[in-house]
């Protein structure tokens, strides 16, 4: 293995119906600006809950399980993800 090859880590996903649903306590949620998103998937790689899902070259957020931690917004190199207040 050369030093330029990536090391892939297993990604876990919360199972539908299992514990881990966010419920009504989330205060802020990430919103992706698809005009800014470059499809690098850094948010997907760093999401601790695996709620960022690659979709059609971009990403989408599974709000049912997203905790609103903001890691995705912090790692986005083009600031395409904004944290907005829950309604």
PDB file of N, CA and C in Angstrom:
ATOM      1  N   UNK A   1       0.852  -1.176   0.000  1.00  0.00           N
ATOM      2  CA  UNK A   1       0.000   0.000   0.000  1.00  0.00           C
ATOM      3  C   UNK A   1       0.895   1.236   0.000  1.00  0.00           C
ATOM      4  N   UNK A   2       0.689   2.116  -0.942  1.00  0.00           N
ATOM      5  CA  UNK A   2       1.480   3.339  -0.980  1.00  0.00           C
ATOM      6  C   UNK A   2       0.909   4.362  -0.011  1.00  0.00           C
ATOM      7  N   UNK A   3       1.676   5.374   0.254  1.00  0.00           N
ATOM      8  CA  UNK A   3       1.228   6.400   1.188  1.00  0.00           C
ATOM      9  C   UNK A   3       0.098   7.240   0.604  1.00  0.00           C
ATOM     10  N   UNK A   4      -0.086   7.207  -0.710  1.00  0.00           N
ATOM     11  CA  UNK A   4      -1.120   8.029  -1.333  1.00  0.00           C
ATOM     12  C   UNK A   4      -2.491   7.355  -1.354  1.00  0.00           C
ATOM     13  N   UNK A   5      -2.555   6.075  -1.007  1.00  0.00           N
ATOM     14  CA  UNK A   5      -3.838   5.389  -0.998  1.00  0.00           C
ATOM     15  C   UNK A   5      -4.601   5.761   0.270  1.00  0.00           C
ATOM     16  N   UNK A   6      -5.870   5.914   0.144  1.00  0.00           N
ATOM     17  CA  UNK A   6      -6.712   6.240   1.279  1.00  0.00           C
ATOM     18  C   UNK A   6      -6.995   5.001   2.103  1.00  0.00           C
ATOM     19  N   UNK A   7      -7.159   5.225   3.387  1.00  0.00           N
ATOM     20  CA  UNK A   7      -7.598   4.146   4.252  1.00  0.00           C
ATOM     21  C   UNK A   7      -9.088   4.346   4.494  1.00  0.00           C
ATOM     22  N   UNK A   8      -9.855   3.363   4.168  1.00  0.00           N
ATOM     23  CA  UNK A   8     -11.300   3.481   4.321  1.00  0.00           C
ATOM     24  C   UNK A   8     -11.727   2.908   5.661  1.00  0.00           C
ATOM     25  N   UNK A   9     -12.611   3.615   6.322  1.00  0.00           N
ATOM     26  CA  UNK A   9     -13.123   3.180   7.603  1.00  0.00           C
ATOM     27  C   UNK A   9     -14.576   2.754   7.426  1.00  0.00           C
ATOM     28  N   UNK A  10     -15.010   1.792   8.196  1.00  0.00           N
ATOM     29  CA  UNK A  10     -16.416   1.395   8.079  1.00  0.00           C
ATOM     30  C   UNK A  10     -17.329   2.523   8.551  1.00  0.00           C
ATOM     31  N   UNK A  11     -18.431   2.688   7.881  1.00  0.00           N
ATOM     32  CA  UNK A  11     -19.407   3.715   8.225  1.00  0.00           C
ATOM     33  C   UNK A  11     -20.643   3.014   8.752  1.00  0.00           C
ATOM     34  N   UNK A  12     -21.101   3.429   9.922  1.00  0.00           N
ATOM     35  CA  UNK A  12     -22.318   2.850  10.471  1.00  0.00           C
ATOM     36  C   UNK A  12     -23.473   3.796  10.200  1.00  0.00           C
ATOM     37  N   UNK A  13     -24.630   3.242  10.059  1.00  0.00           N
ATOM     38  CA  UNK A  13     -25.831   4.045   9.850  1.00  0.00           C
ATOM     39  C   UNK A  13     -26.860   3.632  10.883  1.00  0.00           C
ATOM     40  N   UNK A  14     -27.548   4.601  11.478  1.00  0.00           N
ATOM     41  CA  UNK A  14     -28.601   4.227  12.410  1.00  0.00           C
ATOM     42  C   UNK A  14     -29.685   3.460  11.674  1.00  0.00           C
ATOM     43  N   UNK A  15     -30.179   2.441  12.315  1.00  0.00           N
ATOM     44  CA  UNK A  15     -31.217   1.629  11.703  1.00  0.00           C
ATOM     45  C   UNK A  15     -32.565   2.290  11.908  1.00  0.00           C
ATOM     46  N   UNK A  16     -33.386   2.313  10.883  1.00  0.00           N
ATOM     47  CA  UNK A  16     -34.719   2.888  11.013  1.00  0.00           C
ATOM     48  C   UNK A  16     -35.485   2.144  12.096  1.00  0.00           C
ATOM     49  N   UNK A  17     -36.092   2.888  12.949  1.00  0.00           N
ATOM     50  CA  UNK A  17     -36.877   2.285  14.020  1.00  0.00           C
ATOM     51  C   UNK A  17     -36.055   2.002  15.264  1.00  0.00           C
ATOM     52  N   UNK A  18     -34.728   2.069  15.152  1.00  0.00           N
ATOM     53  CA  UNK A  18     -33.882   1.824  16.303  1.00  0.00           C
ATOM     54  C   UNK A  18     -33.743   3.101  17.116  1.00  0.00           C
ATOM     55  N   UNK A  19     -33.147   2.990  18.302  1.00  0.00           N
ATOM     56  CA  UNK A  19     -32.882   4.178  19.089  1.00  0.00           C
ATOM     57  C   UNK A  19     -31.966   5.107  18.322  1.00  0.00           C
ATOM     58  N   UNK A  20     -31.945   6.335  18.676  1.00  0.00           N
ATOM     59  CA  UNK A  20     -31.084   7.289  17.995  1.00  0.00           C
ATOM     60  C   UNK A  20     -31.839   8.328  17.216  1.00  0.00           C
ATOM     61  N   UNK A  21     -33.154   8.208  17.155  1.00  0.00           N
ATOM     62  CA  UNK A  21     -33.917   9.258  16.492  1.00  0.00           C
ATOM     63  C   UNK A  21     -33.779  10.545  17.281  1.00  0.00           C
ATOM     64  N   UNK A  22     -33.786  11.629  16.569  1.00  0.00           N
ATOM     65  CA  UNK A  22     -33.546  12.915  17.198  1.00  0.00           C
ATOM     66  C   UNK A  22     -34.699  13.351  18.090  1.00  0.00           C
ATOM     67  N   UNK A  23     -35.896  13.172  17.674  1.00  0.00           N
ATOM     68  CA  UNK A  23     -37.023  13.648  18.460  1.00  0.00           C
ATOM     69  C   UNK A  23     -37.204  15.138  18.284  1.00  0.00           C
ATOM     70  N   UNK A  24     -37.769  15.807  19.266  1.00  0.00           N
ATOM     71  CA  UNK A  24     -38.086  17.230  19.147  1.00  0.00           C
ATOM     72  C   UNK A  24     -37.101  18.122  19.881  1.00  0.00           C
ATOM     73  N   UNK A  25     -35.998  17.584  20.371  1.00  0.00           N
ATOM     74  CA  UNK A  25     -35.088  18.372  21.186  1.00  0.00           C
ATOM     75  C   UNK A  25     -34.013  19.099  20.391  1.00  0.00           C
ATOM     76  N   UNK A  26     -33.844  18.809  19.097  1.00  0.00           N
ATOM     77  CA  UNK A  26     -32.800  19.462  18.311  1.00  0.00           C
ATOM     78  C   UNK A  26     -33.100  20.955  18.217  1.00  0.00           C
ATOM     79  N   UNK A  27     -32.081  21.782  18.398  1.00  0.00           N
ATOM     80  CA  UNK A  27     -32.244  23.235  18.388  1.00  0.00           C
ATOM     81  C   UNK A  27     -31.931  23.820  17.021  1.00  0.00           C
ATOM     82  N   UNK A  28     -30.873  23.327  16.386  1.00  0.00           N
ATOM     83  CA  UNK A  28     -30.489  23.803  15.049  1.00  0.00           C
ATOM     84  C   UNK A  28     -30.314  22.601  14.129  1.00  0.00           C
ATOM     85  N   UNK A  29     -30.464  22.858  12.840  1.00  0.00           N
ATOM     86  CA  UNK A  29     -30.292  21.785  11.864  1.00  0.00           C
ATOM     87  C   UNK A  29     -29.468  22.300  10.681  1.00  0.00           C
ATOM     88  N   UNK A  30     -28.721  21.403  10.019  1.00  0.00           N
ATOM     89  CA  UNK A  30     -27.928  21.820   8.868  1.00  0.00           C
ATOM     90  C   UNK A  30     -28.793  21.910   7.618  1.00  0.00           C
ATOM     91  N   UNK A  31     -28.546  22.958   6.834  1.00  0.00           N
ATOM     92  CA  UNK A  31     -29.215  23.122   5.551  1.00  0.00           C
ATOM     93  C   UNK A  31     -28.132  23.299   4.492  1.00  0.00           C
ATOM     94  N   UNK A  32     -28.192  22.466   3.457  1.00  0.00           N
ATOM     95  CA  UNK A  32     -27.173  22.473   2.408  1.00  0.00           C
ATOM     96  C   UNK A  32     -27.593  23.431   1.297  1.00  0.00           C
ATOM     97  N   UNK A  33     -26.687  24.335   0.932  1.00  0.00           N
ATOM     98  CA  UNK A  33     -26.891  25.215  -0.220  1.00  0.00           C
ATOM     99  C   UNK A  33     -26.292  24.488  -1.421  1.00  0.00           C
ATOM    100  N   UNK A  34     -27.141  23.916  -2.260  1.00  0.00           N
ATOM    101  CA  UNK A  34     -26.670  23.088  -3.369  1.00  0.00           C
ATOM    102  C   UNK A  34     -26.004  23.910  -4.464  1.00  0.00           C
ATOM    103  N   UNK A  35     -26.172  25.215  -4.460  1.00  0.00           N
ATOM    104  CA  UNK A  35     -25.455  26.059  -5.414  1.00  0.00           C
ATOM    105  C   UNK A  35     -23.989  26.218  -5.028  1.00  0.00           C
ATOM    106  N   UNK A  36     -23.689  26.115  -3.723  1.00  0.00           N
ATOM    107  CA  UNK A  36     -22.310  26.210  -3.250  1.00  0.00           C
ATOM    108  C   UNK A  36     -21.637  24.846  -3.128  1.00  0.00           C
ATOM    109  N   UNK A  37     -22.401  23.792  -2.857  1.00  0.00           N
ATOM    110  CA  UNK A  37     -21.850  22.453  -2.597  1.00  0.00           C
ATOM    111  C   UNK A  37     -21.032  21.981  -3.801  1.00  0.00           C
ATOM    112  N   UNK A  38     -19.785  21.532  -3.535  1.00  0.00           N
ATOM    113  CA  UNK A  38     -18.914  21.039  -4.597  1.00  0.00           C
ATOM    114  C   UNK A  38     -18.876  19.513  -4.623  1.00  0.00           C
ATOM    115  N   UNK A  39     -19.630  18.860  -3.745  1.00  0.00           N
ATOM    116  CA  UNK A  39     -19.708  17.409  -3.748  1.00  0.00           C
ATOM    117  C   UNK A  39     -18.470  16.715  -3.215  1.00  0.00           C
ATOM    118  N   UNK A  40     -17.709  17.371  -2.351  1.00  0.00           N
ATOM    119  CA  UNK A  40     -16.472  16.768  -1.821  1.00  0.00           C
ATOM    120  C   UNK A  40     -16.767  15.683  -0.795  1.00  0.00           C
ATOM    121  N   UNK A  41     -17.935  15.721  -0.173  1.00  0.00           N
ATOM    122  CA  UNK A  41     -18.399  14.741   0.808  1.00  0.00           C
ATOM    123  C   UNK A  41     -17.596  14.743   2.114  1.00  0.00           C
ATOM    124  N   UNK A  42     -16.928  15.841   2.417  1.00  0.00           N
ATOM    125  CA  UNK A  42     -16.234  15.957   3.701  1.00  0.00           C
ATOM    126  C   UNK A  42     -17.247  15.848   4.841  1.00  0.00           C
ATOM    127  N   UNK A  43     -18.409  16.436   4.681  1.00  0.00           N
ATOM    128  CA  UNK A  43     -19.459  16.367   5.706  1.00  0.00           C
ATOM    129  C   UNK A  43     -19.892  14.922   5.929  1.00  0.00           C
ATOM    130  N   UNK A  44     -19.974  14.144   4.863  1.00  0.00           N
ATOM    131  CA  UNK A  44     -20.341  12.735   4.962  1.00  0.00           C
ATOM    132  C   UNK A  44     -19.292  11.960   5.769  1.00  0.00           C
ATOM    133  N   UNK A  45     -18.027  12.260   5.532  1.00  0.00           N
ATOM    134  CA  UNK A  45     -16.952  11.519   6.199  1.00  0.00           C
ATOM    135  C   UNK A  45     -16.851  11.854   7.675  1.00  0.00           C
ATOM    136  N   UNK A  46     -17.228  13.076   8.071  1.00  0.00           N
ATOM    137  CA  UNK A  46     -17.042  13.481   9.467  1.00  0.00           C
ATOM    138  C   UNK A  46     -18.319  13.460  10.293  1.00  0.00           C
ATOM    139  N   UNK A  47     -19.469  13.211   9.708  1.00  0.00           N
ATOM    140  CA  UNK A  47     -20.729  13.206  10.468  1.00  0.00           C
ATOM    141  C   UNK A  47     -20.694  12.088  11.512  1.00  0.00           C
ATOM    142  N   UNK A  48     -20.755  12.426  12.812  1.00  0.00           N
ATOM    143  CA  UNK A  48     -20.673  11.397  13.843  1.00  0.00           C
ATOM    144  C   UNK A  48     -21.905  10.499  13.908  1.00  0.00           C
ATOM    145  N   UNK A  49     -23.025  10.918  13.347  1.00  0.00           N
ATOM    146  CA  UNK A  49     -24.250  10.121  13.378  1.00  0.00           C
ATOM    147  C   UNK A  49     -24.550   9.453  12.038  1.00  0.00           C
ATOM    148  N   UNK A  50     -23.684   9.669  11.054  1.00  0.00           N
ATOM    149  CA  UNK A  50     -23.879   9.118   9.709  1.00  0.00           C
ATOM    150  C   UNK A  50     -25.229   9.523   9.122  1.00  0.00           C
ATOM    151  N   UNK A  51     -25.610  10.763   9.359  1.00  0.00           N
ATOM    152  CA  UNK A  51     -26.888  11.233   8.831  1.00  0.00           C
ATOM    153  C   UNK A  51     -26.722  12.018   7.531  1.00  0.00           C
ATOM    154  N   UNK A  52     -25.475  12.262   7.122  1.00  0.00           N
ATOM    155  CA  UNK A  52     -25.216  12.886   5.829  1.00  0.00           C
ATOM    156  C   UNK A  52     -25.076  11.748   4.827  1.00  0.00           C
ATOM    157  N   UNK A  53     -25.890  11.776   3.789  1.00  0.00           N
ATOM    158  CA  UNK A  53     -25.948  10.680   2.833  1.00  0.00           C
ATOM    159  C   UNK A  53     -25.607  11.201   1.438  1.00  0.00           C
ATOM    160  N   UNK A  54     -24.609  10.591   0.761  1.00  0.00           N
ATOM    161  CA  UNK A  54     -24.332  10.995  -0.622  1.00  0.00           C
ATOM    162  C   UNK A  54     -25.534  10.713  -1.509  1.00  0.00           C
ATOM    163  N   UNK A  55     -25.841  11.676  -2.393  1.00  0.00           N
ATOM    164  CA  UNK A  55     -26.991  11.519  -3.265  1.00  0.00           C
ATOM    165  C   UNK A  55     -26.778  12.344  -4.528  1.00  0.00           C
ATOM    166  N   UNK A  56     -26.708  11.695  -5.657  1.00  0.00           N
ATOM    167  CA  UNK A  56     -26.565  12.354  -6.961  1.00  0.00           C
ATOM    168  C   UNK A  56     -25.378  13.308  -7.012  1.00  0.00           C
ATOM    169  N   UNK A  57     -24.235  12.876  -6.504  1.00  0.00           N
ATOM    170  CA  UNK A  57     -23.034  13.696  -6.547  1.00  0.00           C
ATOM    171  C   UNK A  57     -22.969  14.765  -5.478  1.00  0.00           C
ATOM    172  N   UNK A  58     -24.009  14.947  -4.727  1.00  0.00           N
ATOM    173  CA  UNK A  58     -24.049  15.923  -3.621  1.00  0.00           C
ATOM    174  C   UNK A  58     -24.356  15.143  -2.349  1.00  0.00           C
ATOM    175  N   UNK A  59     -24.932  15.783  -1.372  1.00  0.00           N
ATOM    176  CA  UNK A  59     -25.302  15.109  -0.128  1.00  0.00           C
ATOM    177  C   UNK A  59     -26.707  15.534   0.284  1.00  0.00           C
ATOM    178  N   UNK A  60     -27.335  14.717   1.091  1.00  0.00           N
ATOM    179  CA  UNK A  60     -28.601  15.099   1.702  1.00  0.00           C
ATOM    180  C   UNK A  60     -28.520  14.744   3.182  1.00  0.00           C
ATOM    181  N   UNK A  61     -29.358  15.371   3.980  1.00  0.00           N
ATOM    182  CA  UNK A  61     -29.339  15.181   5.426  1.00  0.00           C
ATOM    183  C   UNK A  61     -30.548  14.365   5.838  1.00  0.00           C
ATOM    184  N   UNK A  62     -30.325  13.326   6.633  1.00  0.00           N
ATOM    185  CA  UNK A  62     -31.420  12.541   7.192  1.00  0.00           C
ATOM    186  C   UNK A  62     -31.817  13.208   8.511  1.00  0.00           C
ATOM    187  N   UNK A  63     -32.806  14.100   8.435  1.00  0.00           N
ATOM    188  CA  UNK A  63     -33.200  14.885   9.609  1.00  0.00           C
ATOM    189  C   UNK A  63     -33.842  14.043  10.704  1.00  0.00           C
ATOM    190  N   UNK A  64     -34.272  12.856  10.391  1.00  0.00           N
ATOM    191  CA  UNK A  64     -34.884  12.006  11.409  1.00  0.00           C
ATOM    192  C   UNK A  64     -33.870  11.617  12.490  1.00  0.00           C
ATOM    193  N   UNK A  65     -32.567  11.534  12.075  1.00  0.00           N
ATOM    194  CA  UNK A  65     -31.524  11.118  13.012  1.00  0.00           C
ATOM    195  C   UNK A  65     -30.480  12.195  13.281  1.00  0.00           C
ATOM    196  N   UNK A  66     -30.477  13.283  12.521  1.00  0.00           N
ATOM    197  CA  UNK A  66     -29.487  14.352  12.694  1.00  0.00           C
ATOM    198  C   UNK A  66     -29.675  15.015  14.059  1.00  0.00           C
ATOM    199  N   UNK A  67     -28.563  15.187  14.792  1.00  0.00           N
ATOM    200  CA  UNK A  67     -28.618  15.796  16.123  1.00  0.00           C
ATOM    201  C   UNK A  67     -28.327  17.296  16.089  1.00  0.00           C
ATOM    202  N   UNK A  68     -27.910  17.806  14.922  1.00  0.00           N
ATOM    203  CA  UNK A  68     -27.629  19.231  14.803  1.00  0.00           C
ATOM    204  C   UNK A  68     -26.330  19.643  15.472  1.00  0.00           C
ATOM    205  N   UNK A  69     -25.336  18.768  15.473  1.00  0.00           N
ATOM    206  CA  UNK A  69     -24.077  19.070  16.162  1.00  0.00           C
ATOM    207  C   UNK A  69     -23.256  20.120  15.433  1.00  0.00           C
ATOM    208  N   UNK A  70     -23.408  20.228  14.113  1.00  0.00           N
ATOM    209  CA  UNK A  70     -22.688  21.250  13.356  1.00  0.00           C
ATOM    210  C   UNK A  70     -21.332  20.830  12.829  1.00  0.00           C
ATOM    211  N   UNK A  71     -20.931  19.588  13.040  1.00  0.00           N
ATOM    212  CA  UNK A  71     -19.639  19.131  12.517  1.00  0.00           C
ATOM    213  C   UNK A  71     -19.617  19.276  11.001  1.00  0.00           C
ATOM    214  N   UNK A  72     -20.695  18.931  10.339  1.00  0.00           N
ATOM    215  CA  UNK A  72     -20.763  19.017   8.878  1.00  0.00           C
ATOM    216  C   UNK A  72     -20.522  20.449   8.399  1.00  0.00           C
ATOM    217  N   UNK A  73     -21.113  21.415   9.063  1.00  0.00           N
ATOM    218  CA  UNK A  73     -20.941  22.822   8.670  1.00  0.00           C
ATOM    219  C   UNK A  73     -19.513  23.280   8.919  1.00  0.00           C
ATOM    220  N   UNK A  74     -18.894  22.774   9.982  1.00  0.00           N
ATOM    221  CA  UNK A  74     -17.524  23.182  10.306  1.00  0.00           C
ATOM    222  C   UNK A  74     -16.500  22.610   9.341  1.00  0.00           C
ATOM    223  N   UNK A  75     -16.731  21.421   8.795  1.00  0.00           N
ATOM    224  CA  UNK A  75     -15.730  20.811   7.914  1.00  0.00           C
ATOM    225  C   UNK A  75     -15.953  21.162   6.451  1.00  0.00           C
ATOM    226  N   UNK A  76     -17.070  21.764   6.105  1.00  0.00           N
ATOM    227  CA  UNK A  76     -17.350  22.089   4.704  1.00  0.00           C
ATOM    228  C   UNK A  76     -16.355  23.147   4.212  1.00  0.00           C
ATOM    229  N   UNK A  77     -15.552  22.824   3.180  1.00  0.00           N
ATOM    230  CA  UNK A  77     -14.522  23.766   2.735  1.00  0.00           C
ATOM    231  C   UNK A  77     -15.081  24.993   2.019  1.00  0.00           C
ATOM    232  N   UNK A  78     -16.320  24.932   1.524  1.00  0.00           N
ATOM    233  CA  UNK A  78     -16.876  26.084   0.799  1.00  0.00           C
ATOM    234  C   UNK A  78     -18.052  26.714   1.551  1.00  0.00           C
ATOM    235  N   UNK A  79     -18.247  26.290   2.805  1.00  0.00           N
ATOM    236  CA  UNK A  79     -19.312  26.838   3.666  1.00  0.00           C
ATOM    237  C   UNK A  79     -20.682  26.729   2.998  1.00  0.00           C
ATOM    238  N   UNK A  80     -20.953  25.548   2.439  1.00  0.00           N
ATOM    239  CA  UNK A  80     -22.237  25.304   1.788  1.00  0.00           C
ATOM    240  C   UNK A  80     -23.308  24.844   2.767  1.00  0.00           C
ATOM    241  N   UNK A  81     -22.917  24.572   4.010  1.00  0.00           N
ATOM    242  CA  UNK A  81     -23.876  24.092   5.010  1.00  0.00           C
ATOM    243  C   UNK A  81     -24.031  25.153   6.090  1.00  0.00           C
ATOM    244  N   UNK A  82     -25.259  25.557   6.303  1.00  0.00           N
ATOM    245  CA  UNK A  82     -25.575  26.538   7.344  1.00  0.00           C
ATOM    246  C   UNK A  82     -26.394  25.858   8.425  1.00  0.00           C
ATOM    247  N   UNK A  83     -26.166  26.269   9.661  1.00  0.00           N
ATOM    248  CA  UNK A  83     -26.961  25.755  10.773  1.00  0.00           C
ATOM    249  C   UNK A  83     -28.085  26.759  11.020  1.00  0.00           C
ATOM    250  N   UNK A  84     -29.320  26.301  10.884  1.00  0.00           N
ATOM    251  CA  UNK A  84     -30.467  27.195  11.058  1.00  0.00           C
ATOM    252  C   UNK A  84     -31.314  26.714  12.231  1.00  0.00           C
ATOM    253  N   UNK A  85     -32.015  27.633  12.851  1.00  0.00           N
ATOM    254  CA  UNK A  85     -32.860  27.294  13.991  1.00  0.00           C
ATOM    255  C   UNK A  85     -34.019  26.401  13.567  1.00  0.00           C
ATOM    256  N   UNK A  86     -34.362  25.465  14.445  1.00  0.00           N
ATOM    257  CA  UNK A  86     -35.534  24.625  14.223  1.00  0.00           C
ATOM    258  C   UNK A  86     -36.775  25.488  14.380  1.00  0.00           C
ATOM    259  N   UNK A  87     -37.800  25.167  13.670  1.00  0.00           N
ATOM    260  CA  UNK A  87     -39.053  25.918  13.788  1.00  0.00           C
ATOM    261  C   UNK A  87     -39.907  25.310  14.863  1.00  0.00           C
TER     262      UNK A  87
END
